[in-house]
C-alpha atoms as a PDB file:
ATOM      1  CA  MET A   1      99.153 117.525 168.813  1.00  0.00           C
ATOM      2  CA  ALA A   2      98.259 114.276 167.061  1.00  0.00           C
ATOM      3  CA  LYS A   3      98.430 112.403 170.370  1.00  0.00           C
ATOM      4  CA  LEU A   4      96.002 114.865 171.915  1.00  0.00           C
ATOM      5  CA  GLY A   5      93.603 114.091 169.081  1.00  0.00           C
ATOM      6  CA  LEU A   6      93.825 110.395 169.904  1.00  0.00           C
ATOM      7  CA  VAL A   7      93.129 111.130 173.565  1.00  0.00           C
ATOM      8  CA  LEU A   8      90.045 113.129 172.580  1.00  0.00           C
ATOM      9  CA  ASP A   9      88.851 110.218 170.448  1.00  0.00           C
ATOM     10  CA  ARG A  10      89.220 107.807 173.380  1.00  0.00           C
ATOM     11  CA  MET A  11      87.392 110.186 175.703  1.00  0.00           C
ATOM     12  CA  GLU A  12      84.554 110.494 173.202  1.00  0.00           C
ATOM     13  CA  GLU A  13      84.307 106.702 172.916  1.00  0.00           C
ATOM     14  CA  ALA A  14      84.030 106.387 176.707  1.00  0.00           C
ATOM     15  CA  LEU A  15      81.409 109.119 177.011  1.00  0.00           C
ATOM     16  CA  VAL A  16      79.286 107.566 174.275  1.00  0.00           C
ATOM     17  CA  LYS A  17      79.630 104.096 175.820  1.00  0.00           C
ATOM     18  CA  TRP A  18      78.616 105.399 179.257  1.00  0.00           C
ATOM     19  CA  ASP A  19      75.883 107.639 177.753  1.00  0.00           C
ATOM     20  CA  ARG A  20      77.301 110.683 179.558  1.00  0.00           C
ATOM     21  CA  GLN A  21      78.121 114.314 178.867  1.00  0.00           C
ATOM     22  CA  GLY A  22      81.650 115.301 179.781  1.00  0.00           C
ATOM     23  CA  SER A  23      83.721 118.393 180.291  1.00  0.00           C
ATOM     24  CA  LEU A  24      87.350 119.010 179.580  1.00  0.00           C
ATOM     25  CA  SER A  25      89.974 121.435 180.863  1.00  0.00           C
ATOM     26  CA  PHE A  26      93.135 122.435 179.050  1.00  0.00           C
ATOM     27  CA  THR A  27      95.613 123.383 181.750  1.00  0.00           C
ATOM     28  CA  GLY A  28      99.310 123.874 181.317  1.00  0.00           C
ATOM     29  CA  GLY A  29     101.245 123.775 178.106  1.00  0.00           C
ATOM     30  CA  GLU A  30      98.974 126.085 176.142  1.00  0.00           C
ATOM     31  CA  PRO A  31     101.403 129.024 176.498  1.00  0.00           C
ATOM     32  CA  PHE A  32     103.875 126.937 174.490  1.00  0.00           C
ATOM     33  CA  ILE A  33     101.660 126.118 171.516  1.00  0.00           C
ATOM     34  CA  ARG A  34     100.784 128.481 168.732  1.00  0.00           C
ATOM     35  CA  ARG A  35      97.392 130.137 168.818  1.00  0.00           C
ATOM     36  CA  THR A  36      96.492 128.442 165.536  1.00  0.00           C
ATOM     37  CA  GLU A  37      97.215 125.023 167.076  1.00  0.00           C
ATOM     38  CA  LEU A  38      95.143 125.839 170.167  1.00  0.00           C
ATOM     39  CA  PHE A  39      92.223 126.944 167.998  1.00  0.00           C
ATOM     40  CA  ALA A  40      92.569 123.778 165.885  1.00  0.00           C
ATOM     41  CA  LEU A  41      92.382 121.709 169.065  1.00  0.00           C
ATOM     42  CA  MET A  42      89.326 123.675 170.192  1.00  0.00           C
ATOM     43  CA  ASP A  43      87.785 123.050 166.746  1.00  0.00           C
ATOM     44  CA  GLN A  44      88.208 119.327 167.296  1.00  0.00           C
ATOM     45  CA  VAL A  45      86.572 119.488 170.736  1.00  0.00           C
ATOM     46  CA  ASP A  46      83.699 121.563 169.319  1.00  0.00           C
ATOM     47  CA  GLN A  47      82.940 118.694 166.927  1.00  0.00           C
ATOM     48  CA  ILE A  48      82.415 116.229 169.794  1.00  0.00           C
ATOM     49  CA  PRO A  49      78.826 116.523 171.044  1.00  0.00           C
ATOM     50  CA  SER A  50      79.604 114.407 174.129  1.00  0.00           C
ATOM     51  CA  PHE A  51      81.499 117.341 175.644  1.00  0.00           C
ATOM     52  CA  ALA A  52      79.020 119.725 177.261  1.00  0.00           C
ATOM     53  CA  TYR A  53      81.702 122.400 177.593  1.00  0.00           C
ATOM     54  CA  TYR A  54      85.436 122.819 178.074  1.00  0.00           C
ATOM     55  CA  ASP A  55      87.778 125.216 179.832  1.00  0.00           C
ATOM     56  CA  VAL A  56      91.049 126.801 178.839  1.00  0.00           C
ATOM     57  CA  LEU A  57      92.973 127.797 181.952  1.00  0.00           C
ATOM     58  CA  THR A  58      95.773 130.023 180.756  1.00  0.00           C
ATOM     59  CA  PRO A  59      97.802 133.099 181.588  1.00  0.00           C
ATOM     60  CA  ARG A  60      97.244 134.070 177.933  1.00  0.00           C
ATOM     61  CA  ILE A  61      93.624 135.024 178.632  1.00  0.00           C
ATOM     62  CA  ARG A  62      93.992 138.551 177.233  1.00  0.00           C
ATOM     63  CA  GLU A  63      95.399 137.221 173.986  1.00  0.00           C
ATOM     64  CA  LEU A  64      92.533 134.764 173.573  1.00  0.00           C
ATOM     65  CA  ARG A  65      89.914 137.388 174.398  1.00  0.00           C
ATOM     66  CA  ARG A  66      91.254 139.503 171.523  1.00  0.00           C
ATOM     67  CA  HIS A  67      89.847 136.759 169.301  1.00  0.00           C
ATOM     68  CA  GLN A  68      86.408 136.987 170.893  1.00  0.00           C
ATOM     69  CA  GLU A  69      84.585 136.584 167.571  1.00  0.00           C
ATOM     70  CA  GLN A  70      86.218 133.173 167.144  1.00  0.00           C
ATOM     71  CA  LEU A  71      85.153 132.170 170.656  1.00  0.00           C
ATOM     72  CA  LEU A  72      81.481 133.150 170.553  1.00  0.00           C
ATOM     73  CA  SER A  73      80.246 129.969 168.881  1.00  0.00           C
ATOM     74  CA  ARG A  74      82.228 127.658 171.172  1.00  0.00           C
ATOM     75  CA  ARG A  75      81.180 125.854 174.358  1.00  0.00           C
ATOM     76  CA  ILE A  76      84.123 127.313 176.224  1.00  0.00           C
ATOM     77  CA  GLU A  77      84.930 129.076 179.450  1.00  0.00           C
ATOM     78  CA  LEU A  78      88.170 131.004 179.785  1.00  0.00           C
ATOM     79  CA  GLU A  79      89.943 131.327 183.111  1.00  0.00           C
ATOM     80  CA  ALA A  80      93.165 133.124 183.966  1.00  0.00           C
END
């Protein structure tokens, strides 16, 4: 998870340098991390204003939708 944080930092640096808004998709692997870790990662992305939105493409869509109140304030789209 720490390496993903470093990748996000590098992406933010590039977006700021290029004066662009970006988007991000989490695909694959998310079924193997704990929900708390996924939400922590989403918290980190939510703190980066250079990302206009992000996607979580997961077969665990029903599980995530059960936490709808935690998703309402995020710039996220969920796809199964």
